[in-house]
Amino acid sequence: MDSNEKTKKQNVFREEQGVVEENEEKKTIDMDRNIAGFLCYLIWFITGIIFLVIEKENRFIRFHALQSIVVSIVLFVFNFMLTLIPILGLLISLLLVPLYIFLWIFLMWQAYQGKYFKLPVIGDIAEKQINNL
């Protein structure tokens, strides 16, 4: 096994573990990938769409942008479905607001830490879409 092939295998392993050095990935935007990942979640799907359109090469940023969009859509649809239930739906949606805020802060923190944190179903959807783009 030559050294170039060995380096590729090490990089793949490091990327799967969520640790990728900055100089190992190309970027379209001139911004730290951790900051960009953090900003993908800042205004939910809006910043997710912005970063998905702007960033063409960096998988980390594109993943977090897509995950932000999918999370936003799922939470919006879920809240809409809850509003169809007269009083109980409103109460449940009000009780879930702190969980949404916690999830929002948690995802921003994970992206800022440089981690590919995947939510169970939503992260898989985002990852499949990144592979298709």
Protein backbone atom coordinates (compact mmCIF):
# COMPACT_ATOMS: atom_id res chain seq x y z
CA MET A 1 0.00 0.00 0.00
CA ASP A 2 1.58 3.29 -1.06
CA SER A 3 1.56 6.35 1.20
CA ASN A 4 -1.07 8.20 -0.87
CA GLU A 5 -3.54 5.31 -0.53
CA LYS A 6 -2.80 5.05 3.19
CA THR A 7 -3.45 8.80 3.66
CA LYS A 8 -6.80 8.50 1.85
CA LYS A 9 -7.91 5.69 4.17
CA GLN A 10 -6.87 7.68 7.23
CA ASN A 11 -8.77 10.74 6.02
CA VAL A 12 -11.93 8.70 5.39
CA PHE A 13 -11.72 7.22 8.88
CA ARG A 14 -11.16 10.66 10.43
CA GLU A 15 -14.11 12.10 8.49
CA GLU A 16 -16.37 9.26 9.65
CA GLN A 17 -15.33 10.02 13.23
CA GLY A 18 -16.36 13.64 12.72
CA VAL A 19 -12.82 15.02 12.83
CA VAL A 20 -11.62 16.61 9.62
CA GLU A 21 -8.86 19.17 9.53
CA GLU A 22 -9.60 22.47 7.84
CA ASN A 23 -7.02 22.06 5.09
CA GLU A 24 -8.45 18.66 4.06
CA GLU A 25 -11.62 20.13 2.54
CA LYS A 26 -12.23 22.75 -0.11
CA LYS A 27 -14.66 25.60 0.52
CA THR A 28 -16.47 28.03 -1.72
CA ILE A 29 -17.01 30.64 1.00
CA ASP A 30 -14.22 32.36 2.87
CA MET A 31 -15.32 31.42 6.37
CA ASP A 32 -14.34 28.90 9.00
CA ARG A 33 -16.35 25.75 8.40
CA ASN A 34 -17.32 25.60 12.10
CA ILE A 35 -18.72 29.12 11.99
CA ALA A 36 -20.56 28.38 8.75
CA GLY A 37 -21.99 25.16 10.22
CA PHE A 38 -23.13 27.12 13.26
CA LEU A 39 -24.74 29.80 11.10
CA CYS A 40 -26.64 27.16 9.08
CA TYR A 41 -28.92 26.70 12.09
CA LEU A 42 -29.10 30.33 13.22
CA ILE A 43 -32.33 31.30 11.44
CA TRP A 44 -33.54 27.74 10.86
CA PHE A 45 -34.29 26.95 7.22
CA ILE A 46 -33.47 30.47 5.95
CA THR A 47 -29.76 30.30 6.73
CA GLY A 48 -29.78 26.63 5.76
CA ILE A 49 -30.98 27.55 2.27
CA ILE A 50 -28.51 30.42 2.02
CA PHE A 51 -25.53 28.23 2.88
CA LEU A 52 -26.76 25.39 0.67
CA VAL A 53 -26.92 27.77 -2.30
CA ILE A 54 -23.62 29.53 -1.56
CA GLU A 55 -21.45 26.57 -0.58
CA LYS A 56 -20.76 24.20 -3.46
CA GLU A 57 -17.84 22.06 -2.23
CA ASN A 58 -17.65 21.66 1.54
CA ARG A 59 -19.55 18.56 2.64
CA PHE A 60 -19.61 19.59 6.32
CA ILE A 61 -21.32 22.92 5.63
CA ARG A 62 -23.72 21.43 3.08
CA PHE A 63 -24.68 18.64 5.50
CA HIS A 64 -25.50 21.06 8.30
CA ALA A 65 -27.37 23.35 5.90
CA LEU A 66 -29.53 20.46 4.68
CA GLN A 67 -30.08 19.10 8.17
CA SER A 68 -31.19 22.58 9.26
CA ILE A 69 -33.69 22.75 6.41
CA VAL A 70 -35.10 19.27 7.06
CA VAL A 71 -35.37 19.86 10.84
CA SER A 72 -37.19 23.13 10.22
CA ILE A 73 -39.66 21.51 7.83
CA VAL A 74 -40.33 18.56 10.16
CA LEU A 75 -40.90 20.81 13.18
CA PHE A 76 -43.15 23.13 11.17
CA VAL A 77 -45.30 20.26 9.89
CA PHE A 78 -45.43 18.68 13.36
CA ASN A 79 -46.56 21.97 14.93
CA PHE A 80 -49.13 22.46 12.18
CA MET A 81 -50.55 18.99 12.85
CA LEU A 82 -50.74 19.79 16.56
CA THR A 83 -52.75 22.94 15.88
CA LEU A 84 -55.41 20.79 14.25
CA ILE A 85 -56.14 19.30 17.67
CA PRO A 86 -58.21 22.02 19.40
CA ILE A 87 -57.00 22.67 22.97
CA LEU A 88 -54.71 19.73 23.64
CA GLY A 89 -52.64 20.43 20.51
CA LEU A 90 -51.96 23.99 21.58
CA LEU A 91 -50.91 22.87 25.05
CA ILE A 92 -48.60 20.18 23.68
CA SER A 93 -46.99 22.60 21.21
CA LEU A 94 -46.39 25.11 24.02
CA LEU A 95 -44.78 22.41 26.14
CA LEU A 96 -42.51 21.40 23.24
CA VAL A 97 -41.11 24.92 22.69
CA PRO A 98 -38.31 24.47 25.29
CA LEU A 99 -37.32 21.20 23.58
CA TYR A 100 -37.18 22.95 20.20
CA ILE A 101 -34.96 25.66 21.67
CA PHE A 102 -32.70 23.06 23.27
CA LEU A 103 -32.45 21.17 19.96
CA TRP A 104 -31.66 24.40 18.10
CA ILE A 105 -28.85 25.34 20.53
CA PHE A 106 -27.54 21.78 20.62
CA LEU A 107 -27.28 21.52 16.82
CA MET A 108 -25.54 24.90 16.59
CA TRP A 109 -23.08 23.81 19.30
CA GLN A 110 -22.32 20.50 17.58
CA ALA A 111 -21.67 22.25 14.27
CA TYR A 112 -19.48 24.84 15.99
CA GLN A 113 -17.47 22.00 17.55
CA GLY A 114 -16.85 20.64 14.04
CA LYS A 115 -18.89 17.48 14.49
CA TYR A 116 -21.06 15.72 11.94
CA PHE A 117 -23.88 15.21 14.43
CA LYS A 118 -26.71 13.40 12.67
CA LEU A 119 -30.20 13.37 14.08
CA PRO A 120 -31.59 9.82 13.83
CA VAL A 121 -33.90 10.00 10.78
CA ILE A 122 -33.43 13.60 9.70
CA GLY A 123 -29.63 13.33 9.56
CA ASP A 124 -29.89 10.26 7.33
CA ILE A 125 -32.19 12.13 4.96
CA ALA A 126 -29.79 15.08 4.83
CA GLU A 127 -26.80 12.80 4.25
CA LYS A 128 -28.55 10.96 1.39
CA GLN A 129 -29.43 14.28 -0.25
CA ILE A 130 -25.81 15.47 0.06
CA ASN A 131 -24.66 12.28 -1.68
CA ASN A 132 -27.19 12.88 -4.48
CA LEU A 133 -26.20 16.52 -5.07
